[in-house]
Amino acid sequence: DVGTPVIHAPGPQEGQTVAFFGPVVTPAPK
């Protein structure tokens, strides 16, 4: 039920991955 962007990031524990949609942001922070 989501599109892109999708991100898989390191989770809070070793070897864990957290997946989420977004962030949707404009303009891109520098």
ModelCIF file with pLDDT and N, C-alpha, C, O atoms, coordinates in Angstrom:
data_MODEL
#
_entry.id   MODEL 
#
_entity.id                         1 
_entity.type                       polymer 
_entity.pdbx_number_of_molecules   1 
#
_entity_poly.entity_id                      1 
_entity_poly.type                           'polypeptide(L)' 
_entity_poly.nstd_linkage                   no 
_entity_poly.nstd_monomer                   no 
_entity_poly.pdbx_seq_one_letter_code       DVGTPVIHAPGPQEGQTVAFFGPVVTPAPK 
_entity_poly.pdbx_seq_one_letter_code_can   DVGTPVIHAPGPQEGQTVAFFGPVVTPAPK 
_entity_poly.pdbx_strand_id                 A 
#
loop_
_entity_poly_seq.entity_id 
_entity_poly_seq.num 
_entity_poly_seq.mon_id 
_entity_poly_seq.hetero 
1 1  ASP n 
1 2  VAL n 
1 3  GLY n 
1 4  THR n 
1 5  PRO n 
1 6  VAL n 
1 7  ILE n 
1 8  HIS n 
1 9  ALA n 
1 10 PRO n 
1 11 GLY n 
1 12 PRO n 
1 13 GLN n 
1 14 GLU n 
1 15 GLY n 
1 16 GLN n 
1 17 THR n 
1 18 VAL n 
1 19 ALA n 
1 20 PHE n 
1 21 PHE n 
1 22 GLY n 
1 23 PRO n 
1 24 VAL n 
1 25 VAL n 
1 26 THR n 
1 27 PRO n 
1 28 ALA n 
1 29 PRO n 
1 30 LYS n 
#
_struct_asym.id          A 
_struct_asym.entity_id   1 
#
loop_
_ma_qa_metric.id 
_ma_qa_metric.mode 
_ma_qa_metric.name 
_ma_qa_metric.software_group_id 
_ma_qa_metric.type 
1 global pLDDT . pLDDT 
2 local  pLDDT . pLDDT 
#
_ma_qa_metric_global.metric_id      1 
_ma_qa_metric_global.metric_value   86.43 
_ma_qa_metric_global.model_id       1 
_ma_qa_metric_global.ordinal_id     1 
#
loop_
_ma_qa_metric_local.label_asym_id 
_ma_qa_metric_local.label_comp_id 
_ma_qa_metric_local.label_seq_id 
_ma_qa_metric_local.metric_id 
_ma_qa_metric_local.metric_value 
_ma_qa_metric_local.model_id 
_ma_qa_metric_local.ordinal_id 
A ASP 1  2 82.00 1 1  
A VAL 2  2 86.00 1 2  
A GLY 3  2 85.00 1 3  
A THR 4  2 87.00 1 4  
A PRO 5  2 92.00 1 5  
A VAL 6  2 94.00 1 6  
A ILE 7  2 95.00 1 7  
A HIS 8  2 93.00 1 8  
A ALA 9  2 88.00 1 9  
A PRO 10 2 78.00 1 10 
A GLY 11 2 74.00 1 11 
A PRO 12 2 71.00 1 12 
A GLN 13 2 71.00 1 13 
A GLU 14 2 74.00 1 14 
A GLY 15 2 71.00 1 15 
A GLN 16 2 76.00 1 16 
A THR 17 2 85.00 1 17 
A VAL 18 2 87.00 1 18 
A ALA 19 2 90.00 1 19 
A PHE 20 2 90.00 1 20 
A PHE 21 2 91.00 1 21 
A GLY 22 2 89.00 1 22 
A PRO 23 2 92.00 1 23 
A VAL 24 2 91.00 1 24 
A VAL 25 2 92.00 1 25 
A THR 26 2 92.00 1 26 
A PRO 27 2 92.00 1 27 
A ALA 28 2 94.00 1 28 
A PRO 29 2 95.00 1 29 
A LYS 30 2 96.00 1 30 
#
loop_
_atom_site.group_PDB 
_atom_site.id 
_atom_site.type_symbol 
_atom_site.label_atom_id 
_atom_site.label_alt_id 
_atom_site.label_comp_id 
_atom_site.label_asym_id 
_atom_site.label_entity_id 
_atom_site.label_seq_id 
_atom_site.pdbx_PDB_ins_code 
_atom_site.Cartn_x 
_atom_site.Cartn_y 
_atom_site.Cartn_z 
_atom_site.occupancy 
_atom_site.B_iso_or_equiv 
_atom_site.pdbx_formal_charge 
_atom_site.auth_seq_id 
_atom_site.auth_comp_id 
_atom_site.auth_asym_id 
_atom_site.auth_atom_id 
_atom_site.pdbx_PDB_model_num 
ATOM 1   N N  . ASP A 1 1  ? 0.823  -1.209 0.000  1.00 82.00 ? 1  ASP A N  1 
ATOM 2   C CA . ASP A 1 1  ? 0.000  0.000  0.000  1.00 82.00 ? 1  ASP A CA 1 
ATOM 3   C C  . ASP A 1 1  ? 0.856  1.259  0.000  1.00 82.00 ? 1  ASP A C  1 
ATOM 4   O O  . ASP A 1 1  ? 0.346  2.358  0.215  1.00 82.00 ? 1  ASP A O  1 
ATOM 5   N N  . VAL A 1 2  ? 2.158  1.102  -0.240 1.00 86.00 ? 2  VAL A N  1 
ATOM 6   C CA . VAL A 1 2  ? 3.056  2.240  -0.393 1.00 86.00 ? 2  VAL A CA 1 
ATOM 7   C C  . VAL A 1 2  ? 3.791  2.094  -1.713 1.00 86.00 ? 2  VAL A C  1 
ATOM 8   O O  . VAL A 1 2  ? 3.772  1.030  -2.332 1.00 86.00 ? 2  VAL A O  1 
ATOM 9   N N  . GLY A 1 3  ? 4.432  3.164  -2.137 1.00 85.00 ? 3  GLY A N  1 
ATOM 10  C CA . GLY A 1 3  ? 5.211  3.129  -3.369 1.00 85.00 ? 3  GLY A CA 1 
ATOM 11  C C  . GLY A 1 3  ? 6.685  3.257  -3.066 1.00 85.00 ? 3  GLY A C  1 
ATOM 12  O O  . GLY A 1 3  ? 7.222  2.520  -2.239 1.00 85.00 ? 3  GLY A O  1 
ATOM 13  N N  . THR A 1 4  ? 7.339  4.186  -3.729 1.00 87.00 ? 4  THR A N  1 
ATOM 14  C CA . THR A 1 4  ? 8.761  4.438  -3.509 1.00 87.00 ? 4  THR A CA 1 
ATOM 15  C C  . THR A 1 4  ? 8.924  5.900  -3.132 1.00 87.00 ? 4  THR A C  1 
ATOM 16  O O  . THR A 1 4  ? 8.184  6.735  -3.652 1.00 87.00 ? 4  THR A O  1 
ATOM 17  N N  . PRO A 1 5  ? 9.845  6.247  -2.264 1.00 92.00 ? 5  PRO A N  1 
ATOM 18  C CA . PRO A 1 5  ? 11.013 5.485  -1.834 1.00 92.00 ? 5  PRO A CA 1 
ATOM 19  C C  . PRO A 1 5  ? 10.737 4.497  -0.707 1.00 92.00 ? 5  PRO A C  1 
ATOM 20  O O  . PRO A 1 5  ? 9.899  4.731  0.164  1.00 92.00 ? 5  PRO A O  1 
ATOM 21  N N  . VAL A 1 6  ? 11.463 3.396  -0.751 1.00 94.00 ? 6  VAL A N  1 
ATOM 22  C CA . VAL A 1 6  ? 11.489 2.424  0.349  1.00 94.00 ? 6  VAL A CA 1 
ATOM 23  C C  . VAL A 1 6  ? 12.927 2.295  0.806  1.00 94.00 ? 6  VAL A C  1 
ATOM 24  O O  . VAL A 1 6  ? 13.848 2.209  -0.006 1.00 94.00 ? 6  VAL A O  1 
ATOM 25  N N  . ILE A 1 7  ? 13.107 2.282  2.118  1.00 95.00 ? 7  ILE A N  1 
ATOM 26  C CA . ILE A 1 7  ? 14.438 2.209  2.710  1.00 95.00 ? 7  ILE A CA 1 
ATOM 27  C C  . ILE A 1 7  ? 14.505 1.053  3.700  1.00 95.00 ? 7  ILE A C  1 
ATOM 28  O O  . ILE A 1 7  ? 13.589 0.855  4.499  1.00 95.00 ? 7  ILE A O  1 
ATOM 29  N N  . HIS A 1 8  ? 15.591 0.296  3.641  1.00 93.00 ? 8  HIS A N  1 
ATOM 30  C CA . HIS A 1 8  ? 15.904 -0.713 4.650  1.00 93.00 ? 8  HIS A CA 1 
ATOM 31  C C  . HIS A 1 8  ? 17.153 -0.220 5.382  1.00 93.00 ? 8  HIS A C  1 
ATOM 32  O O  . HIS A 1 8  ? 18.217 -0.076 4.780  1.00 93.00 ? 8  HIS A O  1 
ATOM 33  N N  . ALA A 1 9  ? 17.016 0.034  6.669  1.00 88.00 ? 9  ALA A N  1 
ATOM 34  C CA . ALA A 1 9  ? 18.089 0.638  7.454  1.00 88.00 ? 9  ALA A CA 1 
ATOM 35  C C  . ALA A 1 9  ? 18.487 -0.275 8.597  1.00 88.00 ? 9  ALA A C  1 
ATOM 36  O O  . ALA A 1 9  ? 17.711 -1.144 8.994  1.00 88.00 ? 9  ALA A O  1 
ATOM 37  N N  . PRO A 1 10 ? 19.705 -0.087 9.140  1.00 78.00 ? 10 PRO A N  1 
ATOM 38  C CA . PRO A 1 10 ? 20.108 -0.876 10.307 1.00 78.00 ? 10 PRO A CA 1 
ATOM 39  C C  . PRO A 1 10 ? 19.162 -0.635 11.479 1.00 78.00 ? 10 PRO A C  1 
ATOM 40  O O  . PRO A 1 10 ? 18.811 0.505  11.781 1.00 78.00 ? 10 PRO A O  1 
ATOM 41  N N  . GLY A 1 11 ? 18.752 -1.719 12.137 1.00 74.00 ? 11 GLY A N  1 
ATOM 42  C CA . GLY A 1 11 ? 17.868 -1.625 13.288 1.00 74.00 ? 11 GLY A CA 1 
ATOM 43  C C  . GLY A 1 11 ? 18.628 -1.347 14.561 1.00 74.00 ? 11 GLY A C  1 
ATOM 44  O O  . GLY A 1 11 ? 19.853 -1.229 14.545 1.00 74.00 ? 11 GLY A O  1 
ATOM 45  N N  . PRO A 1 12 ? 17.897 -1.239 15.692 1.00 71.00 ? 12 PRO A N  1 
ATOM 46  C CA . PRO A 1 12 ? 18.537 -0.916 16.972 1.00 71.00 ? 12 PRO A CA 1 
ATOM 47  C C  . PRO A 1 12 ? 19.396 -2.039 17.533 1.00 71.00 ? 12 PRO A C  1 
ATOM 48  O O  . PRO A 1 12 ? 20.233 -1.802 18.404 1.00 71.00 ? 12 PRO A O  1 
ATOM 49  N N  . GLN A 1 13 ? 19.199 -3.258 17.043 1.00 71.00 ? 13 GLN A N  1 
ATOM 50  C CA . GLN A 1 13 ? 19.985 -4.387 17.520 1.00 71.00 ? 13 GLN A CA 1 
ATOM 51  C C  . GLN A 1 13 ? 20.861 -4.936 16.398 1.00 71.00 ? 13 GLN A C  1 
ATOM 52  O O  . GLN A 1 13 ? 20.522 -4.809 15.221 1.00 71.00 ? 13 GLN A O  1 
ATOM 53  N N  . GLU A 1 14 ? 21.968 -5.534 16.759 1.00 74.00 ? 14 GLU A N  1 
ATOM 54  C CA . GLU A 1 14 ? 22.917 -6.085 15.798 1.00 74.00 ? 14 GLU A CA 1 
ATOM 55  C C  . GLU A 1 14 ? 22.230 -7.067 14.859 1.00 74.00 ? 14 GLU A C  1 
ATOM 56  O O  . GLU A 1 14 ? 21.550 -7.993 15.303 1.00 74.00 ? 14 GLU A O  1 
ATOM 57  N N  . GLY A 1 15 ? 22.411 -6.857 13.560 1.00 71.00 ? 15 GLY A N  1 
ATOM 58  C CA . GLY A 1 15 ? 21.848 -7.744 12.566 1.00 71.00 ? 15 GLY A CA 1 
ATOM 59  C C  . GLY A 1 15 ? 20.391 -7.486 12.235 1.00 71.00 ? 15 GLY A C  1 
ATOM 60  O O  . GLY A 1 15 ? 19.819 -8.179 11.394 1.00 71.00 ? 15 GLY A O  1 
ATOM 61  N N  . GLN A 1 16 ? 19.785 -6.510 12.875 1.00 76.00 ? 16 GLN A N  1 
ATOM 62  C CA . GLN A 1 16 ? 18.371 -6.209 12.648 1.00 76.00 ? 16 GLN A CA 1 
ATOM 63  C C  . GLN A 1 16 ? 18.235 -5.144 11.562 1.00 76.00 ? 16 GLN A C  1 
ATOM 64  O O  . GLN A 1 16 ? 19.066 -4.243 11.447 1.00 76.00 ? 16 GLN A O  1 
ATOM 65  N N  . THR A 1 17 ? 17.184 -5.266 10.778 1.00 85.00 ? 17 THR A N  1 
ATOM 66  C CA . THR A 1 17 ? 16.896 -4.291 9.731  1.00 85.00 ? 17 THR A CA 1 
ATOM 67  C C  . THR A 1 17 ? 15.510 -3.711 9.949  1.00 85.00 ? 17 THR A C  1 
ATOM 68  O O  . THR A 1 17 ? 14.572 -4.431 10.292 1.00 85.00 ? 17 THR A O  1 
ATOM 69  N N  . VAL A 1 18 ? 15.386 -2.410 9.747  1.00 87.00 ? 18 VAL A N  1 
ATOM 70  C CA . VAL A 1 18 ? 14.102 -1.724 9.824  1.00 87.00 ? 18 VAL A CA 1 
ATOM 71  C C  . VAL A 1 18 ? 13.755 -1.223 8.428  1.00 87.00 ? 18 VAL A C  1 
ATOM 72  O O  . VAL A 1 18 ? 14.559 -0.532 7.801  1.00 87.00 ? 18 VAL A O  1 
ATOM 73  N N  . ALA A 1 19 ? 12.569 -1.562 7.935  1.00 90.00 ? 19 ALA A N  1 
ATOM 74  C CA . ALA A 1 19 ? 12.137 -1.148 6.603  1.00 90.00 ? 19 ALA A CA 1 
ATOM 75  C C  . ALA A 1 19 ? 10.990 -0.152 6.717  1.00 90.00 ? 19 ALA A C  1 
ATOM 76  O O  . ALA A 1 19 ? 10.102 -0.301 7.557  1.00 90.00 ? 19 ALA A O  1 
ATOM 77  N N  . PHE A 1 20 ? 11.022 0.865  5.860  1.00 90.00 ? 20 PHE A N  1 
ATOM 78  C CA . PHE A 1 20 ? 9.954  1.868  5.901  1.00 90.00 ? 20 PHE A CA 1 
ATOM 79  C C  . PHE A 1 20 ? 9.829  2.575  4.559  1.00 90.00 ? 20 PHE A C  1 
ATOM 80  O O  . PHE A 1 20 ? 10.755 2.570  3.748  1.00 90.00 ? 20 PHE A O  1 
ATOM 81  N N  . PHE A 1 21 ? 8.675  3.178  4.340  1.00 91.00 ? 21 PHE A N  1 
ATOM 82  C CA . PHE A 1 21 ? 8.422  4.040  3.185  1.00 91.00 ? 21 PHE A CA 1 
ATOM 83  C C  . PHE A 1 21 ? 8.800  5.462  3.556  1.00 91.00 ? 21 PHE A C  1 
ATOM 84  O O  . PHE A 1 21 ? 8.472  5.939  4.643  1.00 91.00 ? 21 PHE A O  1 
ATOM 85  N N  . GLY A 1 22 ? 9.495  6.139  2.644  1.00 89.00 ? 22 GLY A N  1 
ATOM 86  C CA . GLY A 1 22 ? 9.857  7.531  2.884  1.00 89.00 ? 22 GLY A CA 1 
ATOM 87  C C  . GLY A 1 22 ? 11.295 7.663  3.342  1.00 89.00 ? 22 GLY A C  1 
ATOM 88  O O  . GLY A 1 22 ? 12.083 6.730  3.193  1.00 89.00 ? 22 GLY A O  1 
ATOM 89  N N  . PRO A 1 23 ? 11.645 8.819  3.900  1.00 92.00 ? 23 PRO A N  1 
ATOM 90  C CA . PRO A 1 23 ? 10.776 9.980  4.069  1.00 92.00 ? 23 PRO A CA 1 
ATOM 91  C C  . PRO A 1 23 ? 10.522 10.711 2.742  1.00 92.00 ? 23 PRO A C  1 
ATOM 92  O O  . PRO A 1 23 ? 11.360 10.715 1.840  1.00 92.00 ? 23 PRO A O  1 
ATOM 93  N N  . VAL A 1 24 ? 9.353  11.318 2.658  1.00 91.00 ? 24 VAL A N  1 
ATOM 94  C CA . VAL A 1 24 ? 9.013  12.167 1.529  1.00 91.00 ? 24 VAL A CA 1 
ATOM 95  C C  . VAL A 1 24 ? 9.345  13.595 1.942  1.00 91.00 ? 24 VAL A C  1 
ATOM 96  O O  . VAL A 1 24 ? 8.734  14.129 2.867  1.00 91.00 ? 24 VAL A O  1 
ATOM 97  N N  . VAL A 1 25 ? 10.295 14.209 1.274  1.00 92.00 ? 25 VAL A N  1 
ATOM 98  C CA . VAL A 1 25 ? 10.785 15.513 1.702  1.00 92.00 ? 25 VAL A CA 1 
ATOM 99  C C  . VAL A 1 25 ? 11.160 16.364 0.494  1.00 92.00 ? 25 VAL A C  1 
ATOM 100 O O  . VAL A 1 25 ? 11.680 15.856 -0.499 1.00 92.00 ? 25 VAL A O  1 
ATOM 101 N N  . THR A 1 26 ? 10.894 17.648 0.591  1.00 92.00 ? 26 THR A N  1 
ATOM 102 C CA . THR A 1 26 ? 11.280 18.582 -0.464 1.00 92.00 ? 26 THR A CA 1 
ATOM 103 C C  . THR A 1 26 ? 11.455 19.977 0.112  1.00 92.00 ? 26 THR A C  1 
ATOM 104 O O  . THR A 1 26 ? 10.605 20.431 0.877  1.00 92.00 ? 26 THR A O  1 
ATOM 105 N N  . PRO A 1 27 ? 12.534 20.670 -0.235 1.00 92.00 ? 27 PRO A N  1 
ATOM 106 C CA . PRO A 1 27 ? 13.673 20.169 -1.006 1.00 92.00 ? 27 PRO A CA 1 
ATOM 107 C C  . PRO A 1 27 ? 14.518 19.218 -0.168 1.00 92.00 ? 27 PRO A C  1 
ATOM 108 O O  . PRO A 1 27 ? 14.300 19.094 1.037  1.00 92.00 ? 27 PRO A O  1 
ATOM 109 N N  . ALA A 1 28 ? 15.475 18.550 -0.791 1.00 94.00 ? 28 ALA A N  1 
ATOM 110 C CA . ALA A 1 28 ? 16.328 17.609 -0.067 1.00 94.00 ? 28 ALA A CA 1 
ATOM 111 C C  . ALA A 1 28 ? 17.246 18.368 0.885  1.00 94.00 ? 28 ALA A C  1 
ATOM 112 O O  . ALA A 1 28 ? 17.987 19.246 0.442  1.00 94.00 ? 28 ALA A O  1 
ATOM 113 N N  . PRO A 1 29 ? 17.220 18.056 2.178  1.00 95.00 ? 29 PRO A N  1 
ATOM 114 C CA . PRO A 1 29 ? 18.111 18.738 3.132  1.00 95.00 ? 29 PRO A CA 1 
ATOM 115 C C  . PRO A 1 29 ? 19.574 18.520 2.783  1.00 95.00 ? 29 PRO A C  1 
ATOM 116 O O  . PRO A 1 29 ? 19.953 17.488 2.231  1.00 95.00 ? 29 PRO A O  1 
ATOM 117 N N  . LYS A 1 30 ? 20.379 19.506 3.116  1.00 96.00 ? 30 LYS A N  1 
ATOM 118 C CA . LYS A 1 30 ? 21.804 19.448 2.822  1.00 96.00 ? 30 LYS A CA 1 
ATOM 119 C C  . LYS A 1 30 ? 22.604 19.427 4.131  1.00 96.00 ? 30 LYS A C  1 
ATOM 120 O O  . LYS A 1 30 ? 23.834 19.378 4.101  1.00 96.00 ? 30 LYS A O  1 
#
